[in-house]
């Protein structure tokens, strides 16, 4: 319902075939995102750093394909988008790398490859394993979290700034991004990312929340 309503409200579209939804998280509640994309009829690319979560969703049949290669992900995205095929593709990697690759595609080809975007990393708990920084692999991140939590925190905040910078570039070209109620925008703001709503109170964000703006 969230994906469908986001399409209705922000894309003015009842039919999401050929539209692309990019997000992250295939763990607990976020695991439903892959299934939601296919039910809605769009192309869903969901990033997940933990291979165990990806394999679990794939085994369940909630996730159709898995890849750890961004070139392959972009090729599949283009193919499914062109042919209006419903697809859920799990990218085994950091969502920041995926967002930055989509910015690269925009910069080099002029093509905006994503229509809808969100995030379901556990940003209510970003410094204890809920969010992993793009600068490190998943295993490196776990080791650093254990050995030097202060440095891990610094890298998470740097990663959040990069995360938002990529989203902002794509949103400026017409992608519609929303907050999934996971404290992503709040933690990004605390990290110094550009998420404030211009001309508004500093507690207001430039992107809507799914609770008030989409489901409400």
Protein backbone atom coordinates (compact mmCIF):
# COMPACT_ATOMS: atom_id res chain seq x y z
CA UNK A 1 0.00 0.00 0.00
CA UNK A 2 2.86 2.38 0.73
CA UNK A 3 4.46 1.84 -2.69
CA UNK A 4 1.11 2.02 -4.50
CA UNK A 5 0.07 5.19 -2.65
CA UNK A 6 3.46 6.81 -3.24
CA UNK A 7 2.96 6.16 -6.96
CA UNK A 8 -0.56 7.57 -6.88
CA UNK A 9 0.38 10.66 -4.94
CA UNK A 10 3.79 11.57 -6.31
CA UNK A 11 3.83 10.03 -9.79
CA UNK A 12 0.09 10.46 -10.43
CA UNK A 13 0.19 6.84 -11.56
CA UNK A 14 -2.22 4.00 -10.83
CA UNK A 15 -0.05 1.62 -12.87
CA UNK A 16 3.54 1.31 -11.64
CA UNK A 17 4.76 -1.03 -14.40
CA UNK A 18 8.02 0.30 -15.77
CA UNK A 19 8.61 2.41 -12.65
CA UNK A 20 11.64 1.82 -10.44
CA UNK A 21 11.66 1.76 -6.63
CA UNK A 22 15.04 1.80 -4.86
CA UNK A 23 15.39 1.17 -1.15
CA UNK A 24 17.40 -0.77 1.43
CA UNK A 25 16.85 -3.37 4.09
CA UNK A 26 15.70 -6.99 3.85
CA UNK A 27 15.73 -7.84 7.53
CA UNK A 28 12.69 -7.91 9.84
CA UNK A 29 9.89 -5.59 8.74
CA UNK A 30 11.92 -4.32 5.79
CA UNK A 31 11.96 -7.81 4.27
CA UNK A 32 8.50 -7.17 2.81
CA UNK A 33 9.81 -4.47 0.46
CA UNK A 34 10.82 -6.91 -2.27
CA UNK A 35 7.41 -8.57 -2.27
CA UNK A 36 5.69 -5.16 -2.19
CA UNK A 37 7.53 -4.03 -5.34
CA UNK A 38 6.37 -7.07 -7.30
CA UNK A 39 2.78 -6.85 -6.02
CA UNK A 40 2.75 -3.17 -7.06
CA UNK A 41 4.10 -4.21 -10.49
CA UNK A 42 7.25 -2.13 -10.44
CA UNK A 43 11.00 -2.81 -10.53
CA UNK A 44 12.33 -2.98 -6.97
CA UNK A 45 16.06 -2.81 -6.25
CA UNK A 46 16.70 -3.43 -2.56
CA UNK A 47 20.19 -3.14 -1.09
CA UNK A 48 21.21 -5.25 1.90
CA UNK A 49 24.68 -5.58 3.45
CA UNK A 50 23.93 -8.83 5.28
CA UNK A 51 24.04 -11.78 2.87
CA UNK A 52 22.12 -13.98 5.33
CA UNK A 53 19.09 -11.67 5.10
CA UNK A 54 19.25 -11.68 1.29
CA UNK A 55 19.46 -15.46 1.10
CA UNK A 56 16.57 -15.84 3.54
CA UNK A 57 14.26 -13.61 1.48
CA UNK A 58 15.32 -15.32 -1.74
CA UNK A 59 14.65 -18.77 -0.24
CA UNK A 60 11.22 -17.57 0.91
CA UNK A 61 10.44 -16.45 -2.62
CA UNK A 62 10.00 -12.84 -1.55
CA UNK A 63 13.06 -11.80 -3.53
CA UNK A 64 13.36 -12.91 -7.15
CA UNK A 65 17.06 -12.33 -7.83
CA UNK A 66 20.30 -11.54 -5.99
CA UNK A 67 23.44 -9.82 -7.28
CA UNK A 68 26.57 -8.32 -5.74
CA UNK A 69 27.51 -6.59 -8.99
CA UNK A 70 26.32 -3.04 -9.63
CA UNK A 71 26.88 -3.30 -13.39
CA UNK A 72 24.54 -6.30 -13.45
CA UNK A 73 21.98 -4.53 -11.25
CA UNK A 74 21.87 -1.51 -13.56
CA UNK A 75 21.60 -3.73 -16.64
CA UNK A 76 18.70 -5.70 -15.11
CA UNK A 77 17.04 -2.49 -13.98
CA UNK A 78 17.20 -1.06 -17.51
CA UNK A 79 15.89 -4.28 -19.05
CA UNK A 80 12.98 -4.72 -16.63
CA UNK A 81 12.12 -1.02 -16.82
CA UNK A 82 12.06 -1.03 -20.63
CA UNK A 83 9.96 -4.20 -20.84
CA UNK A 84 7.73 -3.26 -17.88
CA UNK A 85 8.54 -6.47 -16.02
CA UNK A 86 7.81 -6.68 -12.29
CA UNK A 87 11.12 -7.53 -10.61
CA UNK A 88 12.59 -7.66 -7.12
CA UNK A 89 16.38 -7.62 -7.22
CA UNK A 90 18.43 -7.78 -4.05
CA UNK A 91 21.76 -5.97 -4.27
CA UNK A 92 24.27 -7.48 -1.86
CA UNK A 93 26.06 -4.30 -0.95
CA UNK A 94 25.65 -0.91 0.64
CA UNK A 95 22.71 1.19 -0.50
CA UNK A 96 24.93 4.30 -0.62
CA UNK A 97 26.98 2.65 -3.38
CA UNK A 98 23.74 1.95 -5.25
CA UNK A 99 22.49 5.53 -4.91
CA UNK A 100 25.86 6.92 -5.99
CA UNK A 101 25.87 4.60 -9.01
CA UNK A 102 22.43 5.92 -10.00
CA UNK A 103 23.82 9.46 -9.74
CA UNK A 104 26.73 8.40 -11.98
CA UNK A 105 24.27 7.02 -14.56
CA UNK A 106 22.36 10.31 -14.46
CA UNK A 107 25.56 12.35 -14.84
CA UNK A 108 26.96 10.26 -17.70
CA UNK A 109 23.82 9.38 -19.67
CA UNK A 110 21.32 12.02 -18.58
CA UNK A 111 18.94 9.21 -17.65
CA UNK A 112 17.05 9.19 -14.35
CA UNK A 113 16.68 5.46 -13.66
CA UNK A 114 14.68 5.67 -10.43
CA UNK A 115 11.17 7.00 -9.82
CA UNK A 116 10.56 6.21 -6.14
CA UNK A 117 13.01 5.89 -3.28
CA UNK A 118 13.06 5.19 0.43
CA UNK A 119 15.13 3.56 3.16
CA UNK A 120 14.52 0.88 5.77
CA UNK A 121 17.88 0.57 7.45
CA UNK A 122 17.51 0.55 11.25
CA UNK A 123 18.46 4.20 11.68
CA UNK A 124 16.77 4.32 15.07
CA UNK A 125 19.89 2.40 16.13
CA UNK A 126 22.58 3.61 13.70
CA UNK A 127 25.69 3.24 15.86
CA UNK A 128 25.09 -0.29 17.12
CA UNK A 129 24.67 -2.16 13.85
CA UNK A 130 21.45 -0.70 12.49
CA UNK A 131 23.29 1.14 9.72
CA UNK A 132 26.61 0.14 8.17
CA UNK A 133 28.92 2.74 6.58
CA UNK A 134 29.63 2.51 2.86
CA UNK A 135 33.37 2.94 3.40
CA UNK A 136 33.70 -0.58 4.83
CA UNK A 137 32.51 -4.06 3.98
CA UNK A 138 29.91 -5.61 6.27
CA UNK A 139 32.54 -7.74 8.04
CA UNK A 140 34.96 -4.80 8.38
CA UNK A 141 32.12 -2.72 9.79
CA UNK A 142 31.28 -5.35 12.40
CA UNK A 143 34.95 -5.56 13.45
CA UNK A 144 35.28 -1.78 13.74
CA UNK A 145 32.04 -1.52 15.71
CA UNK A 146 33.54 -3.94 18.22
CA UNK A 147 37.06 -2.50 18.33
CA UNK A 148 36.49 1.25 17.88
CA UNK A 149 32.84 2.34 18.23
CA UNK A 150 33.84 6.03 18.13
CA UNK A 151 35.39 5.68 14.68
CA UNK A 152 32.45 3.54 13.55
CA UNK A 153 30.09 6.36 14.58
CA UNK A 154 32.16 8.90 12.63
CA UNK A 155 32.07 6.72 9.48
CA UNK A 156 28.31 6.18 9.83
CA UNK A 157 27.72 9.93 9.91
CA UNK A 158 30.01 10.47 6.93
CA UNK A 159 28.13 7.70 5.09
CA UNK A 160 24.78 9.32 5.94
CA UNK A 161 25.98 12.63 4.43
CA UNK A 162 26.95 10.81 1.22
CA UNK A 163 23.67 8.88 1.29
CA UNK A 164 21.60 12.07 1.41
CA UNK A 165 23.77 13.93 -1.13
CA UNK A 166 23.09 11.21 -3.73
CA UNK A 167 19.35 11.13 -2.96
CA UNK A 168 19.16 14.92 -3.21
CA UNK A 169 20.72 14.92 -6.68
CA UNK A 170 18.24 12.35 -7.95
CA UNK A 171 15.29 14.02 -6.22
CA UNK A 172 16.22 17.34 -7.87
CA UNK A 173 15.68 15.58 -11.21
CA UNK A 174 12.27 14.17 -10.32
CA UNK A 175 12.66 11.10 -8.11
CA UNK A 176 10.26 11.03 -5.15
CA UNK A 177 11.80 9.97 -1.85
CA UNK A 178 10.03 9.38 1.45
CA UNK A 179 11.00 8.53 4.99
CA UNK A 180 9.75 5.17 6.23
CA UNK A 181 9.56 6.17 9.87
CA UNK A 182 12.94 4.59 10.63
CA UNK A 183 14.65 7.84 11.84
CA UNK A 184 16.72 8.03 8.63
CA UNK A 185 16.11 11.76 8.10
CA UNK A 186 16.58 12.53 11.79
CA UNK A 187 19.96 10.76 11.99
CA UNK A 188 21.01 12.26 8.65
CA UNK A 189 20.21 15.71 10.03
CA UNK A 190 22.22 14.98 13.18
CA UNK A 191 25.12 13.95 10.92
CA UNK A 192 25.00 17.31 9.14
CA UNK A 193 23.33 16.14 5.91
CA UNK A 194 21.21 18.51 3.85
CA UNK A 195 17.70 17.32 4.75
CA UNK A 196 16.10 20.51 6.06
CA UNK A 197 13.05 21.87 4.29
CA UNK A 198 13.98 25.24 2.82
CA UNK A 199 12.07 28.18 4.24
CA UNK A 200 10.49 26.03 6.96
CA UNK A 201 11.07 25.33 10.62
CA UNK A 202 14.30 23.40 11.18
CA UNK A 203 12.32 20.45 12.52
CA UNK A 204 10.71 19.99 9.08
CA UNK A 205 12.40 17.80 6.50
CA UNK A 206 12.54 18.20 2.74
CA UNK A 207 11.16 14.69 2.27
CA UNK A 208 7.76 13.45 3.48
CA UNK A 209 7.01 10.74 6.00
CA UNK A 210 4.99 7.76 4.86
CA UNK A 211 2.75 8.04 7.90
CA UNK A 212 1.37 11.54 7.30
CA UNK A 213 1.93 12.00 3.59
CA UNK A 214 1.36 8.59 2.04
CA UNK A 215 -0.64 6.32 4.33
CA UNK A 216 -2.51 9.11 6.16
